[in-house]
Amino acid sequence: MRGRSTKIVATLGPATGTAEAVHAVIAAGADVVRVNLSHGDYAGHRRTLGFVRRAAQNLGKPVALLLDLQGPKIRLGSFSPGGVDVATGSEVTLFPNDGTLGTPLRLPVTLPDLARDLTPGARVLLDDGRVRLRVVALKGREARCLVEAGGTLTDRKGVNLPDTLLDVPPLTEKDRKDIRFAAGEGADFLCLSFVRRPEDVVMLRRELEGCGCGARVVAKIEKHEALERMDEIVAVADAVMVARGDLGVEIPAEQVPRWQKRIIRTALRHGKEVITATQMLESMVNSPTPTRAEASDVANAVYDGTSAVMLSAETAVGRHPAGSVATMDRIVRVAEEDLAALPLFVADPLPEQEDAPSVSQAISRAAVQLAQSLRADAIITPTQTGATARQVARYRPSTHIVAVTPSEQVCRQLALTFGVVPLLVPRAEDTDGTLGQAVAAARAGGLITPGELLVLTAGVRANTAGATNLIKVEKA
């Protein structure tokens, strides 16, 4: 059995706003669909999620639903149609957005206490850093700034303050409404934007528990403060995203590759999924083929050991959404041929020693080592919560992991996990029944054939989460 281990996340938007377009993107290879809650309305999102469910059912594959919270994003206010031009070397005044239209000399910003938060000399980066300001003086509630690099500004462009520590809550009122919407729609993952500290992740988790939402938390690493506490953030999150867009504005572009590798390595060490995102095939927004640099970017993320690669504008507003997914699928498959031959492309997924591993961790590691040494055809693991499959995936085996679960949501959530093929099965009564059912499901799904060598992991106490304590080798 050999397929693609690295998963593909596709962002939906106007270009994928029909049932046919969503079906095409999933058929082309998308494992996870992302809906950005910064845009659109609930009626539109609900319709889109319905398209996803229908396509997944028709194609017979689990597809995870990832909803992305807007978070405390700072933006410009509104301008007259066509926007305004700010000239390099001129001075502009930033003021708290009150609905007044901006002008070339006065720019509204959605930060009520901007004069309190900013300091003279601090950088203010607009529209992904295309326009650069530096604070000169503060007066009342306004900030006077020198334009170091000018350009055209239009409505609602993003504002980054890389030199400023803001005291803003991690969740806005809009986010809380969006969380309730996500809970009602059965979201599998929620992305938390602009994470700065581990407490931000804990706050979102409490919100999810309060509304009975089973979504897993993806912490987006896109603030320089998050880099300083990255290990703590990864430890409390369920997964992380290397959000290279805002991160590349917060830190110099030349440092982004270094931090991408560090974030992925940290996620691997903690056994967490990691998504590499932003501009991976950006030219395919208009072009039917990627640049060679983009192909290398996707392949290098695979070599780094990422769990998933993500498409944003390419599938949300691009002219070739399904083609972008198919292209990414081909690039990933070729890169993974190298991984199978030269596994040390990635940070060693099987370190010589781990600090006080749990029984489940030790069993998972041993299962991978056993599968590698025996050249097994598959690792099969029954799982209640997905934890066992994720623990096995942490060690990046060269064979696929067949994870069987009685939970529909766990089955979908495992669509994000590296190397895992999730299967939905009925709940079994005992360990022997669970293992037999797992092998039968894998055989029925065409994932294994009679005579192939299998490594199985399970818990002697069947249907008990986190109780993995058994390894078994047998032929299919």
Protein backbone atom coordinates (compact mmCIF):
# COMPACT_ATOMS: atom_id res chain seq x y z
CA MET A 1 0.00 0.00 0.00
CA ARG A 2 1.49 3.35 -0.99
CA GLY A 3 -0.25 6.68 -1.29
CA ARG A 4 0.38 10.26 -0.23
CA SER A 5 1.32 10.76 3.42
CA THR A 6 1.47 14.57 3.56
CA LYS A 7 -2.06 15.97 3.62
CA ILE A 8 -3.48 18.86 1.58
CA VAL A 9 -5.62 21.66 3.02
CA ALA A 10 -7.68 23.67 0.51
CA THR A 11 -9.27 27.02 1.38
CA LEU A 12 -12.74 27.55 -0.05
CA GLY A 13 -14.03 30.89 -1.32
CA PRO A 14 -15.75 32.52 -4.29
CA ALA A 15 -13.82 30.33 -6.76
CA THR A 16 -15.11 27.22 -5.03
CA GLY A 17 -18.60 28.47 -4.22
CA THR A 18 -20.55 25.78 -6.06
CA ALA A 19 -21.17 22.11 -5.31
CA GLU A 20 -19.34 21.15 -8.52
CA ALA A 21 -16.25 23.21 -7.67
CA VAL A 22 -16.07 21.81 -4.13
CA HIS A 23 -16.44 18.26 -5.46
CA ALA A 24 -13.63 18.87 -7.97
CA VAL A 25 -11.24 20.18 -5.30
CA ILE A 26 -11.87 17.21 -3.01
CA ALA A 27 -11.66 14.73 -5.89
CA ALA A 28 -8.31 16.29 -6.87
CA GLY A 29 -6.89 15.39 -3.47
CA ALA A 30 -7.94 17.83 -0.73
CA ASP A 31 -8.02 16.08 2.65
CA VAL A 32 -9.09 19.10 4.70
CA VAL A 33 -11.15 22.12 3.66
CA ARG A 34 -10.62 25.49 5.30
CA VAL A 35 -13.27 28.17 5.62
CA ASN A 36 -12.00 31.62 6.61
CA LEU A 37 -14.56 33.17 8.96
CA SER A 38 -13.07 36.64 8.35
CA HIS A 39 -15.09 36.74 5.14
CA GLY A 40 -18.66 35.91 4.18
CA ASP A 41 -21.72 35.21 6.31
CA TYR A 42 -23.12 32.21 8.14
CA ALA A 43 -25.65 31.37 5.43
CA GLY A 44 -22.89 31.19 2.85
CA HIS A 45 -20.60 29.19 5.12
CA ARG A 46 -23.40 26.76 5.95
CA ARG A 47 -24.08 26.22 2.26
CA THR A 48 -20.38 25.62 1.56
CA LEU A 49 -20.03 23.12 4.39
CA GLY A 50 -23.05 21.29 3.01
CA PHE A 51 -21.28 21.03 -0.35
CA VAL A 52 -18.24 19.56 1.41
CA ARG A 53 -20.25 16.92 3.25
CA ARG A 54 -22.07 15.91 0.08
CA ALA A 55 -18.84 15.64 -1.92
CA ALA A 56 -17.12 13.64 0.82
CA GLN A 57 -20.04 11.22 0.95
CA ASN A 58 -20.17 10.85 -2.83
CA LEU A 59 -16.42 10.26 -3.04
CA GLY A 60 -16.37 7.94 -0.02
CA LYS A 61 -13.55 9.73 1.78
CA PRO A 62 -13.34 11.49 5.15
CA VAL A 63 -12.77 15.23 4.76
CA ALA A 64 -12.04 17.41 7.79
CA LEU A 65 -13.70 20.80 8.27
CA LEU A 66 -11.29 23.50 9.44
CA LEU A 67 -12.78 26.88 10.36
CA ASP A 68 -10.42 29.81 10.80
CA LEU A 69 -11.27 32.45 13.41
CA GLN A 70 -10.48 36.06 12.54
CA GLY A 71 -8.94 36.86 15.92
CA PRO A 72 -7.90 40.36 17.04
CA LYS A 73 -6.76 41.42 13.57
CA ILE A 74 -6.00 45.14 13.30
CA ARG A 75 -7.13 46.67 10.03
CA LEU A 76 -7.47 50.01 8.32
CA GLY A 77 -10.95 51.50 8.09
CA SER A 78 -12.65 52.52 4.85
CA PHE A 79 -11.68 54.91 2.07
CA SER A 80 -13.39 56.43 -0.95
CA PRO A 81 -13.72 54.05 -3.94
CA GLY A 82 -10.30 53.37 -5.42
CA GLY A 83 -8.49 53.93 -2.13
CA VAL A 84 -5.84 56.53 -1.40
CA ASP A 85 -2.19 56.98 -2.34
CA VAL A 86 0.27 57.77 0.43
CA ALA A 87 3.58 59.21 -0.72
CA THR A 88 7.02 58.14 0.48
CA GLY A 89 8.50 60.85 2.70
CA SER A 90 5.15 62.38 3.63
CA GLU A 91 3.56 62.35 7.07
CA VAL A 92 0.20 60.76 7.86
CA THR A 93 -1.91 60.63 10.99
CA LEU A 94 -3.40 57.40 12.34
CA PHE A 95 -6.66 57.76 14.28
CA PRO A 96 -9.09 55.27 15.89
CA ASN A 97 -11.63 54.11 13.33
CA ASP A 98 -14.97 55.86 13.93
CA GLY A 99 -16.52 55.31 10.52
CA THR A 100 -14.94 58.41 9.00
CA LEU A 101 -13.48 57.76 5.54
CA GLY A 102 -9.71 57.91 5.37
CA THR A 103 -7.72 60.37 3.27
CA PRO A 104 -4.12 60.40 1.99
CA LEU A 105 -3.16 62.26 5.18
CA ARG A 106 -5.45 60.62 7.76
CA LEU A 107 -5.76 56.83 8.06
CA PRO A 108 -8.41 55.16 10.28
CA VAL A 109 -7.22 52.10 12.25
CA THR A 110 -9.33 49.57 14.20
CA LEU A 111 -7.28 50.03 17.37
CA PRO A 112 -9.18 52.16 19.93
CA ASP A 113 -6.17 52.93 22.11
CA LEU A 114 -3.54 53.27 19.41
CA ALA A 115 -1.91 56.31 21.01
CA ARG A 116 -1.58 54.38 24.28
CA ASP A 117 -0.16 51.26 22.61
CA LEU A 118 2.24 52.84 20.11
CA THR A 119 5.56 54.49 20.95
CA PRO A 120 7.73 56.91 18.93
CA GLY A 121 10.05 54.97 16.63
CA ALA A 122 7.74 51.94 16.34
CA ARG A 123 7.07 50.51 12.89
CA VAL A 124 3.55 50.35 11.45
CA LEU A 125 3.25 47.99 8.48
CA LEU A 126 0.20 48.18 6.22
CA ASP A 127 -1.13 45.76 3.59
CA ASP A 128 1.30 42.89 4.35
CA GLY A 129 4.19 45.34 4.68
CA ARG A 130 3.78 46.92 1.26
CA VAL A 131 3.35 50.33 2.92
CA ARG A 132 5.70 51.10 5.83
CA LEU A 133 5.27 53.84 8.43
CA ARG A 134 7.26 54.84 11.50
CA VAL A 135 5.70 56.61 14.48
CA VAL A 136 7.07 60.13 14.93
CA ALA A 137 4.86 61.57 17.68
CA LEU A 138 1.71 60.89 19.71
CA LYS A 139 -0.96 63.46 20.47
CA GLY A 140 -4.27 62.78 22.18
CA ARG A 141 -5.71 59.62 20.60
CA GLU A 142 -3.73 59.98 17.37
CA ALA A 143 -0.28 59.01 16.10
CA ARG A 144 1.75 61.02 13.59
CA CYS A 145 3.86 58.81 11.31
CA LEU A 146 6.51 59.19 8.61
CA VAL A 147 5.83 57.20 5.42
CA GLU A 148 9.04 55.24 4.76
CA ALA A 149 7.56 53.32 1.81
CA GLY A 150 4.38 54.57 0.17
CA GLY A 151 1.70 52.99 -1.96
CA THR A 152 -2.03 52.64 -2.53
CA LEU A 153 -4.27 51.69 0.40
CA THR A 154 -7.80 50.34 0.13
CA ASP A 155 -10.51 49.31 2.59
CA ARG A 156 -9.78 46.95 5.47
CA LYS A 157 -6.14 46.22 4.69
CA GLY A 158 -4.20 44.59 7.52
CA VAL A 159 -2.05 46.48 10.02
CA ASN A 160 0.99 44.86 11.66
CA LEU A 161 2.85 46.34 14.63
CA PRO A 162 6.02 44.21 14.98
CA ASP A 163 7.63 46.50 17.59
CA THR A 164 4.53 46.83 19.79
CA LEU A 165 3.23 44.55 22.54
CA LEU A 166 -0.55 44.90 22.46
CA ASP A 167 -2.78 44.17 25.42
CA VAL A 168 -5.74 42.80 23.47
CA PRO A 169 -7.84 39.71 24.27
CA PRO A 170 -7.18 36.65 22.05
CA LEU A 171 -10.89 36.25 21.27
CA THR A 172 -13.21 38.98 20.02
CA GLU A 173 -17.00 39.01 20.30
CA LYS A 174 -17.13 38.02 16.65
CA ASP A 175 -14.88 35.04 17.43
CA ARG A 176 -17.23 33.90 20.19
CA LYS A 177 -20.18 34.02 17.81
CA ASP A 178 -18.13 32.15 15.23
CA ILE A 179 -17.25 29.47 17.80
CA ARG A 180 -20.93 28.85 18.47
CA PHE A 181 -21.53 28.64 14.72
CA ALA A 182 -18.64 26.18 14.35
CA ALA A 183 -20.00 24.05 17.17
CA GLY A 184 -23.40 23.90 15.52
CA GLU A 185 -21.85 22.89 12.20
CA GLY A 186 -19.68 20.14 13.70
CA ALA A 187 -16.33 21.72 12.85
CA ASP A 188 -13.37 19.37 13.23
CA PHE A 189 -10.68 22.03 13.71
CA LEU A 190 -10.69 25.69 14.76
CA CYS A 191 -7.72 27.90 13.90
CA LEU A 192 -6.80 30.51 16.49
CA SER A 193 -5.25 33.55 14.84
CA PHE A 194 -2.52 35.81 16.25
CA VAL A 195 -1.62 33.52 19.16
CA ARG A 196 0.89 35.21 21.44
CA ARG A 197 1.03 32.94 24.48
CA PRO A 198 -0.18 29.48 25.58
CA GLU A 199 -2.95 31.05 27.66
CA ASP A 200 -4.62 32.15 24.40
CA VAL A 201 -4.99 28.51 23.36
CA VAL A 202 -6.30 27.54 26.79
CA MET A 203 -8.95 30.28 26.58
CA LEU A 204 -10.22 28.97 23.23
CA ARG A 205 -10.31 25.42 24.56
CA ARG A 206 -12.49 26.55 27.47
CA GLU A 207 -14.86 28.26 25.03
CA LEU A 208 -15.11 25.05 23.01
CA GLU A 209 -15.79 22.96 26.10
CA GLY A 210 -18.44 25.43 27.20
CA CYS A 211 -20.45 24.98 24.01
CA GLY A 212 -19.84 21.25 23.64
CA CYS A 213 -17.68 21.61 20.54
CA GLY A 214 -15.34 18.70 19.79
CA ALA A 215 -13.11 20.67 17.42
CA ARG A 216 -9.35 20.43 17.85
CA VAL A 217 -7.39 23.68 18.28
CA VAL A 218 -4.88 24.77 15.64
CA ALA A 219 -2.60 27.56 16.90
CA LYS A 220 -1.42 29.84 14.10
CA ILE A 221 2.18 30.91 14.63
CA GLU A 222 2.27 34.36 13.01
CA LYS A 223 3.38 36.79 15.76
CA HIS A 224 6.93 37.41 16.92
CA GLU A 225 5.72 36.98 20.51
CA ALA A 226 4.58 33.45 19.59
CA LEU A 227 8.09 32.55 18.44
CA GLU A 228 9.44 33.44 21.87
CA ARG A 229 7.02 31.00 23.55
CA MET A 230 6.67 28.53 20.72
CA ASP A 231 7.43 25.40 22.73
CA GLU A 232 4.77 26.24 25.33
CA ILE A 233 2.19 27.06 22.65
CA VAL A 234 2.80 23.82 20.73
CA ALA A 235 2.55 21.86 23.97
CA VAL A 236 -1.01 23.05 24.73
CA ALA A 237 -2.37 23.19 21.16
CA ASP A 238 -3.66 20.18 19.24
CA ALA A 239 -1.91 21.32 16.06
CA VAL A 240 -0.06 24.36 14.74
CA MET A 241 0.06 26.30 11.49
CA VAL A 242 3.15 27.98 10.08
CA ALA A 243 1.21 31.07 8.95
CA ARG A 244 3.90 32.57 6.77
CA GLY A 245 1.83 35.56 5.60
CA ASP A 246 1.62 37.62 8.77
CA LEU A 247 4.74 35.94 10.16
CA GLY A 248 6.68 37.21 7.14
CA VAL A 249 5.53 40.74 7.95
CA GLU A 250 6.34 40.47 11.67
CA ILE A 251 9.87 39.16 11.02
CA PRO A 252 12.29 39.71 8.09
CA ALA A 253 11.53 37.51 5.08
CA GLU A 254 14.96 35.89 5.22
CA GLN A 255 14.15 34.48 8.66
CA VAL A 256 10.90 32.76 7.63
CA PRO A 257 12.55 29.55 6.28
CA ARG A 258 14.53 29.17 9.49
CA TRP A 259 11.42 29.52 11.64
CA GLN A 260 9.40 27.23 9.39
CA LYS A 261 11.88 24.44 10.08
CA ARG A 262 11.99 25.20 13.81
CA ILE A 263 8.20 25.20 14.14
CA ILE A 264 7.87 21.92 12.24
CA ARG A 265 10.62 20.31 14.31
CA THR A 266 8.97 21.47 17.54
CA ALA A 267 5.61 20.07 16.43
CA LEU A 268 7.23 16.73 15.57
CA ARG A 269 8.87 16.59 18.97
CA HIS A 270 5.51 17.15 20.67
CA GLY A 271 3.69 14.73 18.38
CA LYS A 272 1.40 17.47 17.01
CA GLU A 273 0.19 18.02 13.47
CA VAL A 274 1.70 21.00 11.65
CA ILE A 275 0.33 22.79 8.58
CA THR A 276 2.65 24.83 6.35
CA ALA A 277 0.69 27.65 4.74
CA THR A 278 0.66 30.79 2.58
CA GLN A 279 1.66 31.45 -1.03
CA MET A 280 2.77 27.88 -1.68
CA LEU A 281 1.49 27.95 -5.28
CA GLU A 282 0.54 31.63 -5.41
CA SER A 283 1.16 32.08 -9.13
CA MET A 284 -1.56 29.50 -9.81
CA VAL A 285 -4.14 32.09 -8.78
CA ASN A 286 -3.84 33.08 -12.45
CA SER A 287 -1.47 30.60 -14.10
CA PRO A 288 -2.29 26.93 -14.81
CA THR A 289 1.25 25.96 -13.77
CA PRO A 290 3.39 26.93 -10.76
CA THR A 291 6.80 28.54 -10.80
CA ARG A 292 9.77 26.25 -10.21
CA ALA A 293 10.44 28.08 -6.95
CA GLU A 294 6.90 27.28 -5.76
CA ALA A 295 7.34 23.60 -6.60
CA SER A 296 10.55 23.64 -4.57
CA ASP A 297 8.78 25.40 -1.70
CA VAL A 298 6.13 22.67 -1.46
CA ALA A 299 8.73 19.90 -1.73
CA ASN A 300 10.95 21.47 0.93
CA ALA A 301 8.02 21.64 3.36
CA VAL A 302 7.62 17.88 2.81
CA TYR A 303 11.34 17.37 3.42
CA ASP A 304 11.00 19.44 6.62
CA GLY A 305 8.47 16.89 7.88
CA THR A 306 5.27 18.95 7.71
CA SER A 307 1.98 17.10 8.28
CA ALA A 308 0.12 19.13 5.67
CA VAL A 309 0.55 21.83 3.05
CA MET A 310 -2.13 24.45 2.52
CA LEU A 311 -3.58 26.35 -0.42
CA SER A 312 -5.20 29.74 0.28
CA ALA A 313 -5.93 32.19 -2.54
CA GLU A 314 -5.13 29.46 -5.07
CA THR A 315 -8.37 27.61 -4.29
CA ALA A 316 -10.38 30.44 -2.71
CA VAL A 317 -10.22 33.06 -5.47
CA GLY A 318 -7.94 31.53 -8.11
CA ARG A 319 -8.74 30.55 -11.67
CA HIS A 320 -7.54 26.94 -11.24
CA PRO A 321 -8.69 25.63 -7.84
CA ALA A 322 -8.84 21.91 -8.68
CA GLY A 323 -5.72 22.22 -10.82
CA SER A 324 -3.84 23.77 -7.88
CA VAL A 325 -4.75 20.82 -5.66
CA ALA A 326 -3.78 18.30 -8.35
CA THR A 327 -0.46 20.09 -8.88
CA MET A 328 0.30 20.11 -5.16
CA ASP A 329 -0.61 16.42 -4.99
CA ARG A 330 1.93 15.58 -7.71
CA ILE A 331 4.71 17.65 -6.12
CA VAL A 332 4.14 16.05 -2.73
CA ARG A 333 4.13 12.51 -4.11
CA VAL A 334 7.46 13.01 -5.87
CA ALA A 335 9.02 14.58 -2.75
CA GLU A 336 7.81 11.66 -0.66
CA GLU A 337 9.67 9.23 -2.93
CA ASP A 338 12.83 10.89 -1.64
CA LEU A 339 11.62 10.66 1.95
CA ALA A 340 11.20 6.90 1.63
CA ALA A 341 14.77 6.56 0.34
CA LEU A 342 16.41 9.22 2.51
CA PRO A 343 14.38 9.66 5.70
CA LEU A 344 17.01 11.94 7.24
CA PHE A 345 15.74 14.78 5.06
CA VAL A 346 13.59 15.50 8.12
CA ALA A 347 14.58 16.03 11.73
CA ASP A 348 15.16 12.53 13.13
CA PRO A 349 11.63 11.29 13.90
CA LEU A 350 13.05 8.42 15.97
CA PRO A 351 15.43 10.06 18.44
CA GLU A 352 17.64 7.74 20.43
CA GLN A 353 16.04 8.60 23.73
CA GLU A 354 12.95 10.38 24.99
CA ASP A 355 12.36 11.80 28.42
CA ALA A 356 10.01 9.53 30.40
CA PRO A 357 7.75 8.35 27.57
CA SER A 358 4.27 7.10 28.45
CA VAL A 359 3.34 3.48 27.77
CA SER A 360 1.38 4.58 24.69
CA GLN A 361 4.35 6.56 23.38
CA ALA A 362 6.73 3.67 23.94
CA ILE A 363 4.37 1.22 22.22
CA SER A 364 3.88 3.58 19.28
CA ARG A 365 7.61 4.09 18.84
CA ALA A 366 8.24 0.34 19.08
CA ALA A 367 5.51 -0.35 16.52
CA VAL A 368 7.19 1.97 14.02
CA GLN A 369 10.63 0.48 14.64
CA LEU A 370 9.19 -3.02 14.26
CA ALA A 371 7.41 -2.08 11.03
CA GLN A 372 10.60 -0.56 9.65
CA SER A 373 12.82 -3.53 10.52
CA LEU A 374 10.31 -6.11 9.24
CA ARG A 375 9.41 -3.99 6.21
CA ALA A 376 5.76 -4.39 7.12
CA ASP A 377 3.14 -3.38 4.58
CA ALA A 378 0.95 -1.45 7.03
CA ILE A 379 0.55 -0.39 10.64
CA ILE A 380 -3.02 -0.89 11.78
CA THR A 381 -4.32 0.81 14.90
CA PRO A 382 -7.83 0.95 16.35
CA THR A 383 -8.38 4.28 18.09
CA GLN A 384 -11.15 5.94 20.08
CA THR A 385 -9.85 9.51 20.11
CA GLY A 386 -7.20 9.41 17.38
CA ALA A 387 -4.39 9.75 19.93
CA THR A 388 -2.77 6.40 19.15
CA ALA A 389 -2.70 7.05 15.40
CA ARG A 390 -1.20 10.51 15.97
CA GLN A 391 1.41 9.06 18.30
CA VAL A 392 2.44 6.51 15.67
CA ALA A 393 2.46 9.21 12.97
CA ARG A 394 4.81 11.28 15.11
CA TYR A 395 7.61 8.86 14.21
CA ARG A 396 6.96 9.22 10.47
CA PRO A 397 6.93 5.53 9.43
CA SER A 398 7.56 4.82 5.75
CA THR A 399 4.42 2.67 5.65
CA HIS A 400 0.93 4.06 5.97
CA ILE A 401 -1.05 3.88 9.19
CA VAL A 402 -4.57 2.49 8.91
CA ALA A 403 -6.55 3.99 11.79
CA VAL A 404 -9.99 2.49 12.43
CA THR A 405 -12.40 4.29 14.72
CA PRO A 406 -16.11 4.18 15.60
CA SER A 407 -16.22 8.00 15.81
CA GLU A 408 -17.21 9.95 12.68
CA GLN A 409 -15.52 13.12 13.95
CA VAL A 410 -12.28 11.33 14.89
CA CYS A 411 -12.29 9.73 11.43
CA ARG A 412 -12.52 13.17 9.83
CA GLN A 413 -9.94 14.72 12.16
CA LEU A 414 -7.41 12.02 11.27
CA ALA A 415 -7.63 13.20 7.66
CA LEU A 416 -5.08 15.86 8.72
CA THR A 417 -2.61 13.41 10.28
CA PHE A 418 0.53 12.50 8.33
CA GLY A 419 0.45 9.02 6.82
CA VAL A 420 -2.91 8.06 8.32
CA VAL A 421 -5.72 6.45 6.32
CA PRO A 422 -8.81 6.74 8.57
CA LEU A 423 -11.64 4.20 8.38
CA LEU A 424 -15.01 4.31 10.13
CA VAL A 425 -16.11 1.02 11.75
CA PRO A 426 -18.73 -0.07 14.31
CA ARG A 427 -17.64 -0.36 17.94
CA ALA A 428 -16.30 -3.84 18.84
CA GLU A 429 -16.79 -5.64 22.16
CA ASP A 430 -13.22 -6.75 22.98
CA THR A 431 -9.60 -6.46 21.86
CA ASP A 432 -9.66 -9.49 19.56
CA GLY A 433 -12.86 -8.23 17.98
CA THR A 434 -11.38 -4.76 17.57
CA LEU A 435 -8.23 -6.05 15.86
CA GLY A 436 -10.13 -8.47 13.65
CA GLN A 437 -12.52 -5.74 12.66
CA ALA A 438 -9.62 -3.39 11.89
CA VAL A 439 -7.90 -5.88 9.59
CA ALA A 440 -11.20 -6.73 7.87
CA ALA A 441 -11.95 -3.04 7.29
CA ALA A 442 -8.49 -2.43 5.84
CA ARG A 443 -8.88 -5.43 3.53
CA ALA A 444 -12.36 -4.35 2.44
CA GLY A 445 -11.04 -0.86 1.71
CA GLY A 446 -8.35 -2.25 -0.57
CA LEU A 447 -5.61 -0.99 1.74
CA ILE A 448 -4.06 -4.43 2.33
CA THR A 449 -4.08 -7.72 0.45
CA PRO A 450 -3.87 -11.32 1.74
CA GLY A 451 -0.37 -12.35 2.74
CA GLU A 452 0.92 -8.85 3.50
CA LEU A 453 2.73 -8.31 6.79
CA LEU A 454 0.96 -6.12 9.34
CA VAL A 455 1.96 -4.51 12.63
CA LEU A 456 -1.05 -3.95 14.87
CA THR A 457 -1.29 -1.81 17.99
CA ALA A 458 -4.20 -1.74 20.40
CA GLY A 459 -5.23 -1.59 24.04
CA VAL A 460 -6.00 -4.76 25.96
CA ARG A 461 -8.89 -2.83 27.48
CA ALA A 462 -10.92 -2.36 24.32
CA ASN A 463 -12.71 0.96 23.74
CA THR A 464 -10.66 2.73 26.41
CA ALA A 465 -9.00 5.94 25.25
CA GLY A 466 -5.25 6.23 25.82
CA ALA A 467 -4.79 2.58 26.83
CA THR A 468 -2.54 1.40 23.98
CA ASN A 469 -0.33 -1.34 25.41
CA LEU A 470 -0.15 -4.13 22.82
CA ILE A 471 1.81 -4.84 19.63
CA LYS A 472 1.02 -7.76 17.37
CA VAL A 473 2.54 -8.93 14.08
CA GLU A 474 0.49 -11.03 11.67
CA LYS A 475 -0.19 -11.63 8.01
CA ALA A 476 -3.32 -10.26 6.42
